[in-house]
Protein backbone atom coordinates (compact mmCIF):
# COMPACT_ATOMS: atom_id res chain seq x y z
CA MET A 1 -14.60 -32.93 -13.96
CA SER A 2 -14.82 -30.96 -17.02
CA THR A 3 -13.96 -32.22 -20.39
CA PHE A 4 -12.94 -30.30 -23.76
CA GLY A 5 -17.01 -29.92 -24.69
CA ASP A 6 -17.76 -29.07 -21.26
CA PRO A 7 -18.97 -25.33 -21.84
CA LEU A 8 -17.44 -24.49 -18.63
CA TYR A 9 -14.25 -25.96 -19.39
CA VAL A 10 -14.28 -24.15 -22.67
CA LYS A 11 -15.23 -20.44 -21.00
CA THR A 12 -12.39 -20.97 -18.90
CA LEU A 13 -9.77 -21.56 -20.97
CA ALA A 14 -11.07 -19.01 -23.11
CA ARG A 15 -10.67 -16.28 -20.40
CA LEU A 16 -7.82 -17.47 -19.47
CA GLN A 17 -6.36 -17.38 -22.77
CA TYR A 18 -7.07 -14.15 -22.74
CA LEU A 19 -5.95 -12.86 -19.56
CA CYS A 20 -2.86 -14.36 -20.30
CA SER A 21 -2.30 -12.33 -23.99
CA LYS A 22 -2.86 -9.11 -21.77
CA ARG A 23 -0.16 -9.47 -19.25
CA GLU A 24 2.34 -12.08 -17.63
CA TYR A 25 1.26 -14.83 -15.48
CA CYS A 26 2.82 -17.74 -13.67
CA SER A 27 1.56 -20.81 -14.07
CA SER A 28 0.92 -21.08 -10.15
CA ASP A 29 -1.06 -18.10 -10.34
CA ILE A 30 -3.22 -19.49 -13.51
CA PHE A 31 -4.04 -22.61 -11.93
CA ARG A 32 -5.64 -21.06 -9.04
CA LYS A 33 -7.46 -18.66 -10.78
CA ALA A 34 -8.79 -21.54 -12.89
CA LEU A 35 -9.93 -23.60 -9.76
CA THR A 36 -12.19 -20.87 -8.94
CA ILE A 37 -14.04 -20.37 -12.22
CA LEU A 38 -14.05 -24.43 -12.24
CA GLU A 39 -15.48 -24.61 -8.35
CA GLY A 40 -12.41 -27.04 -7.52
CA ASP A 41 -12.45 -29.13 -9.91
CA ARG A 42 -8.24 -29.89 -9.88
CA GLU A 43 -7.82 -32.42 -12.63
CA SER A 44 -9.37 -29.46 -15.72
CA ALA A 45 -7.65 -26.60 -13.86
CA GLU A 46 -4.76 -29.12 -14.25
CA LYS A 47 -5.80 -29.82 -17.84
CA ILE A 48 -6.11 -25.97 -18.66
CA THR A 49 -2.77 -24.33 -16.70
CA ALA A 50 -0.99 -27.65 -19.12
CA SER A 51 -2.92 -26.27 -22.10
CA LEU A 52 -1.52 -22.58 -21.65
CA VAL A 53 1.88 -23.71 -20.95
CA SER A 54 2.14 -25.52 -24.07
CA GLU A 55 0.42 -22.67 -26.13
CA LYS A 56 2.94 -20.75 -24.52
CA TYR A 57 0.43 -18.64 -23.06
CA ILE A 58 2.63 -19.36 -19.71
CA ASP A 59 5.83 -19.50 -19.14
CA ASP A 60 7.34 -19.10 -15.66
CA PHE A 61 11.29 -18.01 -16.91
CA ARG A 62 9.22 -15.19 -18.68
CA TYR A 63 7.15 -14.45 -15.67
CA SER A 64 9.96 -14.74 -13.07
CA GLU A 65 12.10 -12.24 -15.28
CA ALA A 66 9.30 -9.53 -15.89
CA PHE A 67 8.48 -10.01 -12.53
CA ALA A 68 11.82 -9.53 -11.07
CA ARG A 69 12.82 -6.71 -13.01
CA ASP A 70 9.98 -4.56 -12.21
CA LYS A 71 10.22 -5.10 -8.98
CA SER A 72 13.24 -4.35 -8.63
CA ALA A 73 13.10 -1.09 -11.13
CA LEU A 74 9.74 0.20 -10.06
CA SER A 75 9.10 -0.82 -6.54
CA GLY A 76 12.64 -1.06 -5.45
CA TRP A 77 12.64 -4.47 -3.90
CA GLY A 78 15.58 -6.54 -3.32
CA GLU A 79 17.20 -9.26 -4.19
CA ALA A 80 15.99 -11.26 -1.15
CA LYS A 81 12.27 -10.16 -1.32
CA ILE A 82 12.05 -11.29 -5.15
CA ARG A 83 13.16 -14.52 -4.64
CA TYR A 84 10.79 -15.02 -1.35
CA VAL A 85 7.83 -13.80 -3.37
CA LEU A 86 9.06 -15.90 -6.79
CA PHE A 87 9.31 -18.50 -4.43
CA SER A 88 6.01 -18.13 -2.98
CA LYS A 89 4.67 -18.80 -5.87
CA SER A 90 5.81 -21.68 -6.57
CA ILE A 91 8.40 -20.65 -9.10
CA SER A 92 11.39 -23.16 -10.03
CA LYS A 93 14.81 -22.71 -8.37
CA GLU A 94 16.11 -22.10 -11.86
CA ALA A 95 13.81 -19.35 -13.22
CA VAL A 96 14.35 -17.53 -9.84
CA ASP A 97 17.82 -17.98 -10.67
CA ALA A 98 17.59 -16.97 -13.91
CA ALA A 99 15.49 -13.73 -13.21
CA ILE A 100 18.03 -12.64 -10.31
CA ASP A 101 20.93 -12.45 -12.66
CA GLY A 102 19.33 -10.92 -15.22
CA LEU A 103 19.07 -7.89 -12.97
CA ASP A 104 21.54 -4.90 -13.34
CA PRO A 105 23.67 -4.74 -10.73
CA GLU A 106 24.21 -0.67 -10.64
CA LYS A 107 20.63 0.16 -11.38
CA SER A 108 19.85 -2.33 -8.47
CA TYR A 109 22.50 -0.35 -6.19
CA SER A 110 20.98 3.08 -7.37
CA LYS A 111 17.26 2.06 -6.55
CA MET A 112 18.36 0.75 -3.30
CA GLU A 113 20.22 4.07 -2.60
CA ASN A 114 17.39 6.39 -3.66
CA VAL A 115 14.71 3.97 -1.55
CA ILE A 116 17.09 4.41 1.73
CA ARG A 117 17.51 8.24 1.11
CA ALA A 118 14.05 8.94 1.04
CA LYS A 119 13.04 6.86 3.73
CA TYR A 120 16.06 8.89 5.83
CA ARG A 121 14.21 11.83 4.90
CA SER A 122 11.41 10.97 6.75
CA LEU A 123 13.33 9.80 9.66
CA LYS A 124 16.12 12.31 9.81
CA ASN A 125 15.15 13.36 13.09
CA ASP A 126 14.03 10.02 14.65
CA THR A 127 16.85 8.85 17.60
CA ASN A 128 16.28 5.32 16.31
CA CYS A 129 17.00 6.79 12.40
CA ARG A 130 19.87 4.23 11.84
CA LEU A 131 18.18 1.14 13.04
CA LYS A 132 14.57 2.05 11.57
CA LEU A 133 16.68 2.26 8.01
CA LEU A 134 18.92 -1.05 8.24
CA ARG A 135 14.97 -2.82 9.39
CA PHE A 136 13.17 -0.95 6.10
CA ALA A 137 15.64 -1.73 3.79
CA VAL A 138 16.38 -5.07 4.93
CA GLY A 139 12.48 -5.87 4.83
CA ARG A 140 13.01 -4.57 1.06
CA GLY A 141 14.75 -7.06 0.55
CA TYR A 142 18.36 -6.03 0.65
CA SER A 143 21.41 -7.45 2.31
CA TYR A 144 22.41 -6.19 5.59
CA ASP A 145 26.27 -6.00 4.11
CA LYS A 146 25.15 -3.86 1.30
CA VAL A 147 22.82 -1.59 3.16
CA SER A 148 24.71 -1.24 6.46
CA SER A 149 27.44 0.77 4.71
CA LEU A 150 25.60 2.94 2.79
CA ILE A 151 23.14 3.86 5.82
CA ASP A 152 26.20 5.04 7.67
CA GLU A 153 27.03 7.19 4.74
CA ILE A 154 23.45 9.06 4.53
CA VAL A 155 23.21 9.16 8.19
CA LYS A 156 26.81 10.71 8.63
CA GLY A 157 26.05 13.17 5.73
CA ILE A 158 28.92 11.87 3.25
């Protein structure tokens, strides 16, 4: 177990403070980084993570909102995929719900439409175009109900 006087502990804490000051991280990502640097010392990794949370270097609510906003706007991910990835990072349900609620539904729909239209252009002459578009859109995290009618419109040329 490393302590506050241990040079590796102090160096790890300083390094992770620097990383967290440059971009958003969630507590589970930082815990894994600390665990790797500290060569499996779970107790010290937990202390460092708790210290970073208490000093506001890490905030899972802030992280989940930034993650959801970026993945929706830049990567064209839907709600389901964003939820899945955030839950896989051990983010609380409250933080995930707040992040999803913070998304602009009109921008999300517009991004979904643009992503599906772009994919349609590459599949236009495929006999299984509709099925492939549905699979693609659902894999991106969009709900079947939302994409099904949109895909029908796109395929029919409406």
